[in-house]
């Protein structure tokens, strides 16, 4: 039996898990735990666990634990991403082309430049390594927003809006890249069959049905068929999220209700508290092999391409694309947003973690060394971007804090502190 007070306590835990900072910290702890286990005497047990096969063979779902984390749990994460994308396109900043132009172009620049840097570094090594061009193009929205939230409260709210819009577009482009460039052996029959449970799910949510016994089986069928089609199964999460209505409506009881808010309220704690941290634990376990292994990784073009793509390419791409659009069109930064802020956001965009690790697994199937070295690049690039961005934005936060203090002293704006005007 549950003790009295269990449900209120679980509600408080869920509320905590909805905060970006908590989700980011959980992912960081899970990734650190994986790195520690993979570089201690426990590494054999860790790798055996990741390679253990689980699931029904008859349904072609006998996947390893690591594959279940990447294909299964991340589908929940991408379902929440799909909800966010649709909300932005229907009722958010992306519905207004004028307001969306800068972050959209910034996101495109933030994907193109890292990809170019990776290709240039790996151009002489052969086509196998070139398959990793998309690894440094992704931004981890949970980590990036968590860093921004930790830095301070004095940064302008438009800074967070710009980052969120940029990251949402980045997620959409990453999904397209995964679906187009990393599909394997496409099975059109399974893909067409997936449209049936997807359509039934869409019809149910549009009618306002919230019964888990109906929606969960339809979602699982859609996921399984898309997985069987050769398209990465996380795309199923995005498609299911896109079907959910985001406009508020009146329910049968006469109350105000939004189906997207309902799903996000229920599923974000599971995504932030379980799905993404477990995936991080399964994907981030890189065995460095001591100093010699680290030296080997840091001389591999794969590692260098990912590292410099995230740490340098993201910042250059985001800032330069934004500056070019502002220079040659009527687009301009929102009031309260300055170019040093955009530079900080550009560096912050180099935190690629979750999606970059996923693309790593897709880019080098069967090439253990390339996967390990690419993960080293992801970890080093993401940590480096987080630290540099934190330093830059912290200086900006202190500047905004000082400006707010001066403004409070000189409330009438005449340049003379009010305390002297009062003769105190």
Protein backbone atom coordinates (compact mmCIF):
# COMPACT_ATOMS: atom_id res chain seq x y z
CA UNK A 1 0.00 0.00 0.00
CA UNK A 2 1.11 3.56 -0.66
CA UNK A 3 1.70 5.72 2.36
CA UNK A 4 -0.41 8.79 2.85
CA UNK A 5 1.25 11.75 1.11
CA UNK A 6 2.95 9.69 -1.63
CA UNK A 7 1.04 11.33 -4.49
CA UNK A 8 1.67 14.93 -3.35
CA UNK A 9 5.34 14.03 -2.97
CA UNK A 10 5.48 12.55 -6.48
CA UNK A 11 3.82 15.71 -7.75
CA UNK A 12 6.55 17.83 -6.16
CA UNK A 13 9.25 15.61 -7.69
CA UNK A 14 7.61 15.98 -11.10
CA UNK A 15 7.49 19.77 -10.70
CA UNK A 16 11.22 19.81 -9.87
CA UNK A 17 12.03 17.66 -12.92
CA UNK A 18 10.26 20.17 -15.19
CA UNK A 19 12.94 22.76 -14.42
CA UNK A 20 15.61 22.97 -17.11
CA UNK A 21 18.43 23.24 -14.55
CA UNK A 22 17.45 20.00 -12.83
CA UNK A 23 17.17 18.11 -16.13
CA UNK A 24 20.57 19.39 -17.23
CA UNK A 25 22.17 18.42 -13.93
CA UNK A 26 20.73 14.89 -14.09
CA UNK A 27 22.13 14.42 -17.59
CA UNK A 28 25.53 15.71 -16.44
CA UNK A 29 25.60 13.34 -13.44
CA UNK A 30 24.57 10.38 -15.64
CA UNK A 31 27.25 11.19 -18.21
CA UNK A 32 29.94 11.54 -15.54
CA UNK A 33 28.90 8.22 -13.99
CA UNK A 34 29.19 6.53 -17.40
CA UNK A 35 32.65 8.01 -18.04
CA UNK A 36 33.84 6.90 -14.58
CA UNK A 37 32.53 3.35 -15.01
CA UNK A 38 34.03 3.08 -18.49
CA UNK A 39 37.49 4.00 -17.16
CA UNK A 40 37.65 1.86 -14.00
CA UNK A 41 37.86 -1.90 -13.38
CA UNK A 42 34.05 -1.89 -13.83
CA UNK A 43 34.39 -1.07 -17.54
CA UNK A 44 33.94 -4.67 -18.71
CA UNK A 45 30.67 -4.98 -16.79
CA UNK A 46 29.48 -1.62 -18.12
CA UNK A 47 30.19 -2.52 -21.75
CA UNK A 48 28.64 -5.98 -21.34
CA UNK A 49 25.48 -4.35 -19.97
CA UNK A 50 25.33 -1.92 -22.90
CA UNK A 51 25.78 -4.80 -25.38
CA UNK A 52 23.20 -7.10 -23.72
CA UNK A 53 20.37 -7.93 -26.12
CA UNK A 54 16.77 -7.52 -24.92
CA UNK A 55 13.45 -7.83 -26.76
CA UNK A 56 11.42 -10.15 -29.02
CA UNK A 57 13.38 -11.54 -31.97
CA UNK A 58 10.20 -12.26 -33.95
CA UNK A 59 9.39 -8.55 -34.11
CA UNK A 60 13.01 -7.61 -34.93
CA UNK A 61 13.18 -5.77 -31.61
CA UNK A 62 16.02 -7.77 -30.08
CA UNK A 63 18.01 -4.59 -29.44
CA UNK A 64 20.91 -3.97 -27.11
CA UNK A 65 20.42 -1.92 -23.96
CA UNK A 66 22.25 0.98 -25.62
CA UNK A 67 19.99 0.74 -28.68
CA UNK A 68 16.86 0.70 -26.53
CA UNK A 69 18.09 3.89 -24.87
CA UNK A 70 18.80 5.60 -28.21
CA UNK A 71 15.83 4.28 -30.21
CA UNK A 72 13.25 3.87 -27.45
CA UNK A 73 13.78 6.30 -24.59
CA UNK A 74 14.85 9.16 -26.84
CA UNK A 75 11.57 8.79 -28.75
CA UNK A 76 9.89 10.13 -25.58
CA UNK A 77 12.32 13.06 -25.53
CA UNK A 78 11.59 13.80 -29.20
CA UNK A 79 7.84 13.57 -28.57
CA UNK A 80 8.23 16.47 -26.13
CA UNK A 81 10.41 18.23 -28.72
CA UNK A 82 7.63 17.70 -31.29
CA UNK A 83 5.15 19.38 -28.94
CA UNK A 84 7.51 22.35 -28.54
CA UNK A 85 8.07 22.62 -32.28
CA UNK A 86 4.37 22.62 -33.09
CA UNK A 87 3.63 25.17 -30.36
CA UNK A 88 6.29 27.49 -31.78
CA UNK A 89 4.97 27.14 -35.34
CA UNK A 90 1.29 27.55 -34.40
CA UNK A 91 1.28 29.96 -31.47
CA UNK A 92 4.90 30.99 -30.81
CA UNK A 93 7.64 33.10 -32.35
CA UNK A 94 8.02 30.92 -35.45
CA UNK A 95 4.54 31.81 -36.70
CA UNK A 96 5.72 35.38 -37.34
CA UNK A 97 8.30 35.29 -40.17
CA UNK A 98 9.70 38.70 -39.24
CA UNK A 99 10.43 37.69 -35.62
CA UNK A 100 11.53 34.18 -36.54
CA UNK A 101 13.98 35.22 -39.28
CA UNK A 102 17.01 35.93 -37.09
CA UNK A 103 16.95 32.79 -34.90
CA UNK A 104 16.03 30.60 -37.90
CA UNK A 105 18.95 31.88 -39.98
CA UNK A 106 21.19 31.69 -36.90
CA UNK A 107 20.25 28.01 -36.47
CA UNK A 108 21.02 27.29 -40.13
CA UNK A 109 24.39 29.04 -39.85
CA UNK A 110 25.04 27.15 -36.63
CA UNK A 111 24.64 23.86 -38.51
CA UNK A 112 26.38 24.69 -41.78
CA UNK A 113 29.66 26.09 -40.40
CA UNK A 114 30.36 23.18 -37.96
CA UNK A 115 29.63 20.71 -40.77
CA UNK A 116 32.06 22.55 -43.08
CA UNK A 117 34.76 22.58 -40.39
CA UNK A 118 34.33 18.83 -39.82
CA UNK A 119 34.48 18.09 -43.55
CA UNK A 120 37.58 20.24 -44.06
CA UNK A 121 39.42 18.50 -41.22
CA UNK A 122 38.38 15.02 -42.41
CA UNK A 123 38.52 15.59 -46.17
CA UNK A 124 41.72 13.62 -46.63
CA UNK A 125 40.78 10.63 -44.46
CA UNK A 126 38.14 8.94 -46.65
CA UNK A 127 34.37 8.75 -46.98
CA UNK A 128 33.88 6.66 -43.82
CA UNK A 129 34.88 9.52 -41.53
CA UNK A 130 32.99 12.07 -43.63
CA UNK A 131 29.78 10.35 -42.54
CA UNK A 132 30.17 12.10 -39.20
CA UNK A 133 29.70 15.59 -40.68
CA UNK A 134 26.38 16.09 -38.82
CA UNK A 135 27.72 15.24 -35.34
CA UNK A 136 28.78 18.82 -34.40
CA UNK A 137 25.68 20.44 -35.92
CA UNK A 138 23.26 19.82 -33.03
CA UNK A 139 22.53 21.91 -29.94
CA UNK A 140 21.37 20.26 -26.70
CA UNK A 141 18.50 22.51 -25.64
CA UNK A 142 18.23 21.08 -22.11
CA UNK A 143 21.91 21.64 -21.31
CA UNK A 144 22.04 25.06 -22.99
CA UNK A 145 18.97 26.39 -21.17
CA UNK A 146 20.25 24.90 -17.89
CA UNK A 147 23.55 26.79 -18.23
CA UNK A 148 21.66 29.98 -19.07
CA UNK A 149 19.37 29.53 -16.06
CA UNK A 150 22.28 28.91 -13.66
CA UNK A 151 24.23 32.00 -14.73
CA UNK A 152 21.82 34.57 -13.29
CA UNK A 153 18.48 36.29 -13.39
CA UNK A 154 19.58 39.69 -14.71
CA UNK A 155 20.05 38.59 -18.33
CA UNK A 156 17.21 39.91 -20.53
CA UNK A 157 14.28 37.57 -21.13
CA UNK A 158 14.64 38.04 -24.90
CA UNK A 159 18.01 36.25 -24.60
CA UNK A 160 16.29 33.08 -23.41
CA UNK A 161 13.60 33.47 -26.09
CA UNK A 162 16.27 33.80 -28.79
CA UNK A 163 18.08 30.70 -27.49
CA UNK A 164 14.88 28.64 -27.27
CA UNK A 165 13.76 29.61 -30.77
CA UNK A 166 17.22 28.89 -32.17
CA UNK A 167 17.36 25.53 -30.37
CA UNK A 168 13.86 24.56 -31.55
CA UNK A 169 14.81 25.21 -35.19
CA UNK A 170 18.09 23.38 -34.59
CA UNK A 171 16.12 20.38 -33.29
CA UNK A 172 13.88 20.43 -36.37
CA UNK A 173 16.87 20.52 -38.73
CA UNK A 174 18.60 17.74 -36.75
CA UNK A 175 15.48 15.58 -37.10
CA UNK A 176 15.46 16.17 -40.86
CA UNK A 177 19.17 15.28 -41.05
CA UNK A 178 18.60 12.05 -39.10
CA UNK A 179 15.61 11.05 -41.23
CA UNK A 180 17.22 11.88 -44.59
CA UNK A 181 20.93 11.08 -44.18
CA UNK A 182 20.96 8.31 -41.58
CA UNK A 183 18.10 6.09 -42.72
CA UNK A 184 19.21 2.55 -43.56
CA UNK A 185 17.53 0.09 -45.93
CA UNK A 186 14.27 2.03 -46.20
CA UNK A 187 11.20 -0.24 -46.10
CA UNK A 188 8.33 1.70 -47.68
CA UNK A 189 5.82 -1.00 -46.70
CA UNK A 190 6.50 -0.58 -42.98
CA UNK A 191 6.59 3.20 -43.41
CA UNK A 192 3.15 3.20 -45.05
CA UNK A 193 1.77 0.91 -42.36
CA UNK A 194 3.04 3.33 -39.71
CA UNK A 195 0.67 5.96 -41.09
CA UNK A 196 -2.32 3.92 -39.85
CA UNK A 197 -1.66 4.04 -36.07
CA UNK A 198 -0.28 7.56 -36.51
CA UNK A 199 -3.56 8.71 -38.10
CA UNK A 200 -5.60 6.96 -35.39
CA UNK A 201 -3.47 8.65 -32.70
CA UNK A 202 -4.01 12.02 -34.39
CA UNK A 203 -7.77 11.46 -34.58
CA UNK A 204 -7.93 10.46 -30.91
CA UNK A 205 -6.00 13.47 -29.59
CA UNK A 206 -7.96 15.87 -31.81
CA UNK A 207 -11.15 14.53 -30.24
CA UNK A 208 -9.66 15.25 -26.82
CA UNK A 209 -9.25 11.59 -25.82
CA UNK A 210 -6.64 11.12 -23.08
CA UNK A 211 -7.00 7.42 -22.24
CA UNK A 212 -3.55 5.87 -21.88
CA UNK A 213 -4.82 2.39 -22.80
CA UNK A 214 -5.72 3.77 -26.26
CA UNK A 215 -2.95 6.29 -26.96
CA UNK A 216 0.04 4.32 -25.66
CA UNK A 217 -0.57 1.22 -27.89
CA UNK A 218 -1.10 3.48 -30.93
CA UNK A 219 2.11 5.35 -30.15
CA UNK A 220 4.06 2.11 -29.66
CA UNK A 221 2.75 0.68 -32.95
CA UNK A 222 3.80 3.86 -34.77
CA UNK A 223 7.24 3.68 -33.15
CA UNK A 224 7.75 -0.01 -33.96
CA UNK A 225 6.74 0.36 -37.62
CA UNK A 226 8.92 3.42 -38.18
CA UNK A 227 11.79 1.55 -36.52
CA UNK A 228 11.18 -1.36 -38.90
CA UNK A 229 11.09 1.02 -41.89
CA UNK A 230 14.77 1.94 -41.48
CA UNK A 231 14.11 5.54 -40.41
CA UNK A 232 15.44 6.22 -36.92
CA UNK A 233 12.68 5.52 -34.41
CA UNK A 234 13.03 8.90 -32.66
CA UNK A 235 11.35 10.45 -35.72
CA UNK A 236 8.19 8.63 -34.59
CA UNK A 237 8.21 10.70 -31.39
CA UNK A 238 8.36 13.94 -33.37
CA UNK A 239 5.55 12.89 -35.74
CA UNK A 240 3.32 11.89 -32.83
CA UNK A 241 4.07 15.21 -31.10
CA UNK A 242 3.14 17.12 -34.25
CA UNK A 243 -0.34 15.58 -34.24
CA UNK A 244 -1.25 16.96 -30.79
CA UNK A 245 -3.39 20.15 -30.84
CA UNK A 246 -1.72 23.17 -29.21
CA UNK A 247 -4.68 25.56 -29.34
CA UNK A 248 -6.68 25.78 -26.12
CA UNK A 249 -10.28 24.56 -26.30
CA UNK A 250 -13.29 24.15 -24.02
CA UNK A 251 -13.66 20.64 -22.64
CA UNK A 252 -16.86 18.76 -21.82
CA UNK A 253 -17.00 20.30 -18.36
CA UNK A 254 -16.81 23.84 -19.70
CA UNK A 255 -13.20 24.36 -18.63
CA UNK A 256 -10.24 25.67 -20.62
CA UNK A 257 -8.03 22.84 -21.86
CA UNK A 258 -4.94 22.35 -24.06
CA UNK A 259 -4.01 18.84 -25.15
CA UNK A 260 -0.35 19.77 -25.75
CA UNK A 261 -0.04 21.24 -22.24
CA UNK A 262 -1.59 18.06 -20.82
CA UNK A 263 0.96 15.80 -22.55
CA UNK A 264 3.91 18.05 -21.77
CA UNK A 265 2.90 18.31 -18.10
CA UNK A 266 2.75 14.52 -17.82
CA UNK A 267 5.71 13.53 -19.98
CA UNK A 268 8.36 16.21 -19.44
CA UNK A 269 9.32 14.81 -15.98
CA UNK A 270 9.72 11.34 -17.54
CA UNK A 271 11.77 12.77 -20.40
CA UNK A 272 13.99 15.00 -18.23
CA UNK A 273 14.23 12.63 -15.26
CA UNK A 274 14.50 9.22 -16.92
CA UNK A 275 14.75 9.12 -20.73
CA UNK A 276 17.56 11.61 -21.40
CA UNK A 277 19.69 10.78 -18.30
CA UNK A 278 19.49 7.03 -19.03
CA UNK A 279 20.45 7.67 -22.65
CA UNK A 280 23.37 9.82 -21.46
CA UNK A 281 24.47 7.00 -19.15
CA UNK A 282 24.33 4.50 -22.01
CA UNK A 283 25.94 6.72 -24.66
CA UNK A 284 28.62 8.70 -22.81
CA UNK A 285 30.66 5.76 -21.52
CA UNK A 286 33.87 6.42 -23.43
CA UNK A 287 36.92 4.35 -22.47
CA UNK A 288 39.86 6.73 -22.94
CA UNK A 289 42.57 4.10 -22.55
CA UNK A 290 44.82 6.27 -20.39
CA UNK A 291 47.05 9.09 -21.63
CA UNK A 292 48.00 7.19 -24.78
CA UNK A 293 44.32 6.72 -25.63
CA UNK A 294 43.59 10.40 -25.07
CA UNK A 295 46.56 11.39 -27.25
CA UNK A 296 45.35 9.04 -29.99
CA UNK A 297 41.85 10.53 -29.83
CA UNK A 298 43.15 14.11 -29.95
CA UNK A 299 45.15 13.36 -33.10
CA UNK A 300 42.20 11.70 -34.86
CA UNK A 301 40.50 13.98 -37.45
CA UNK A 302 37.13 12.67 -36.25
CA UNK A 303 37.74 13.97 -32.73
CA UNK A 304 39.19 17.25 -33.97
CA UNK A 305 36.37 17.79 -36.45
CA UNK A 306 33.72 17.31 -33.79
CA UNK A 307 35.61 19.32 -31.15
CA UNK A 308 36.30 22.37 -33.32
CA UNK A 309 32.89 22.09 -34.98
CA UNK A 310 31.15 22.45 -31.63
CA UNK A 311 33.53 24.83 -29.89
CA UNK A 312 34.31 27.14 -32.82
CA UNK A 313 31.93 26.35 -35.68
CA UNK A 314 28.72 26.79 -33.72
CA UNK A 315 29.69 30.25 -32.42
CA UNK A 316 31.02 31.45 -35.79
CA UNK A 317 28.00 30.10 -37.67
CA UNK A 318 25.35 31.52 -35.35
CA UNK A 319 26.93 34.98 -34.96
CA UNK A 320 27.97 35.42 -38.60
CA UNK A 321 24.61 34.30 -39.99
CA UNK A 322 22.77 36.64 -37.63
CA UNK A 323 25.10 39.56 -38.49
CA UNK A 324 24.78 39.00 -42.25
CA UNK A 325 20.98 38.90 -42.09
CA UNK A 326 20.89 42.06 -39.95
CA UNK A 327 23.35 43.78 -42.31
CA UNK A 328 21.63 43.07 -45.61
CA UNK A 329 17.94 42.99 -44.61
CA UNK A 330 15.60 44.93 -42.36
CA UNK A 331 15.86 42.28 -39.67
CA UNK A 332 17.22 43.51 -36.34
CA UNK A 333 17.83 42.23 -32.84
CA UNK A 334 14.96 42.46 -30.37
CA UNK A 335 15.00 45.38 -27.97
CA UNK A 336 17.18 44.53 -24.98
CA UNK A 337 19.39 42.11 -26.93
CA UNK A 338 22.96 43.16 -27.80
CA UNK A 339 25.64 41.62 -30.02
CA UNK A 340 27.79 40.44 -27.08
CA UNK A 341 24.68 38.54 -25.92
CA UNK A 342 24.41 36.88 -29.35
CA UNK A 343 28.08 35.90 -29.11
CA UNK A 344 27.39 34.25 -25.75
CA UNK A 345 24.40 32.40 -27.18
CA UNK A 346 26.47 31.32 -30.18
CA UNK A 347 29.11 29.78 -27.93
CA UNK A 348 26.37 28.19 -25.80
CA UNK A 349 24.99 26.56 -28.95
CA UNK A 350 28.16 24.45 -29.03
CA UNK A 351 26.73 22.22 -26.30
CA UNK A 352 25.77 19.36 -28.59
CA UNK A 353 25.62 16.47 -26.15
CA UNK A 354 22.36 14.45 -26.50
CA UNK A 355 21.63 14.69 -30.23
CA UNK A 356 25.34 14.72 -31.13
CA UNK A 357 25.85 11.43 -29.26
CA UNK A 358 22.83 9.98 -31.06
CA UNK A 359 24.15 11.01 -34.49
CA UNK A 360 27.55 9.56 -33.54
CA UNK A 361 25.99 6.12 -33.13
CA UNK A 362 24.19 6.47 -36.46
CA UNK A 363 27.17 7.84 -38.39
CA UNK A 364 29.66 5.06 -37.59
CA UNK A 365 27.79 1.76 -37.23
CA UNK A 366 30.26 -1.00 -36.42
CA UNK A 367 33.28 1.33 -36.24
CA UNK A 368 34.04 1.25 -32.51
CA UNK A 369 37.11 3.48 -32.67
CA UNK A 370 35.38 6.20 -34.68
CA UNK A 371 32.43 6.14 -32.28
CA UNK A 372 34.69 6.40 -29.22
CA UNK A 373 36.77 9.22 -30.69
CA UNK A 374 33.70 11.14 -31.87
CA UNK A 375 32.26 10.88 -28.36
CA UNK A 376 35.49 12.29 -26.95
CA UNK A 377 35.03 15.24 -29.30
CA UNK A 378 31.40 15.65 -28.23
CA UNK A 379 32.26 15.58 -24.53
CA UNK A 380 35.23 17.94 -24.79
CA UNK A 381 33.48 20.30 -27.19
CA UNK A 382 30.28 20.46 -25.14
CA UNK A 383 32.08 20.99 -21.83
CA UNK A 384 34.37 23.60 -23.39
CA UNK A 385 31.45 25.46 -24.95
CA UNK A 386 29.56 25.41 -21.65
CA UNK A 387 32.51 26.83 -19.70
CA UNK A 388 33.36 29.57 -22.21
CA UNK A 389 29.70 30.54 -22.66
CA UNK A 390 29.21 30.64 -18.89
CA UNK A 391 32.16 33.02 -18.54
CA UNK A 392 30.97 35.33 -21.35
CA UNK A 393 27.34 35.40 -20.25
CA UNK A 394 28.34 35.80 -16.61
CA UNK A 395 30.17 39.00 -17.53
CA UNK A 396 27.07 40.14 -19.41
CA UNK A 397 24.91 39.26 -16.40
CA UNK A 398 27.12 41.34 -14.11
CA UNK A 399 26.86 44.24 -16.57
CA UNK A 400 23.07 44.05 -16.60
CA UNK A 401 23.04 43.79 -12.80
CA UNK A 402 25.18 46.94 -12.50
CA UNK A 403 22.96 48.77 -14.99
CA UNK A 404 19.89 47.83 -12.95
CA UNK A 405 21.60 49.06 -9.77
CA UNK A 406 22.50 52.42 -11.36
CA UNK A 407 18.98 52.77 -12.72
CA UNK A 408 17.52 52.19 -9.26
CA UNK A 409 19.82 54.88 -7.80
CA UNK A 410 19.02 57.40 -10.56
CA UNK A 411 15.30 56.77 -10.95
CA UNK A 412 14.55 60.08 -12.73
CA UNK A 413 17.26 59.42 -15.36
CA UNK A 414 18.99 62.82 -15.16
CA UNK A 415 22.43 61.30 -14.56
CA UNK A 416 22.62 62.54 -10.95
CA UNK A 417 22.10 60.00 -8.15
CA UNK A 418 18.84 60.77 -6.39
CA UNK A 419 20.54 60.61 -2.99
CA UNK A 420 22.43 63.81 -3.79
CA UNK A 421 19.34 65.56 -5.06
CA UNK A 422 17.67 64.92 -1.73
CA UNK A 423 20.68 66.46 0.05
CA UNK A 424 21.39 63.27 2.01
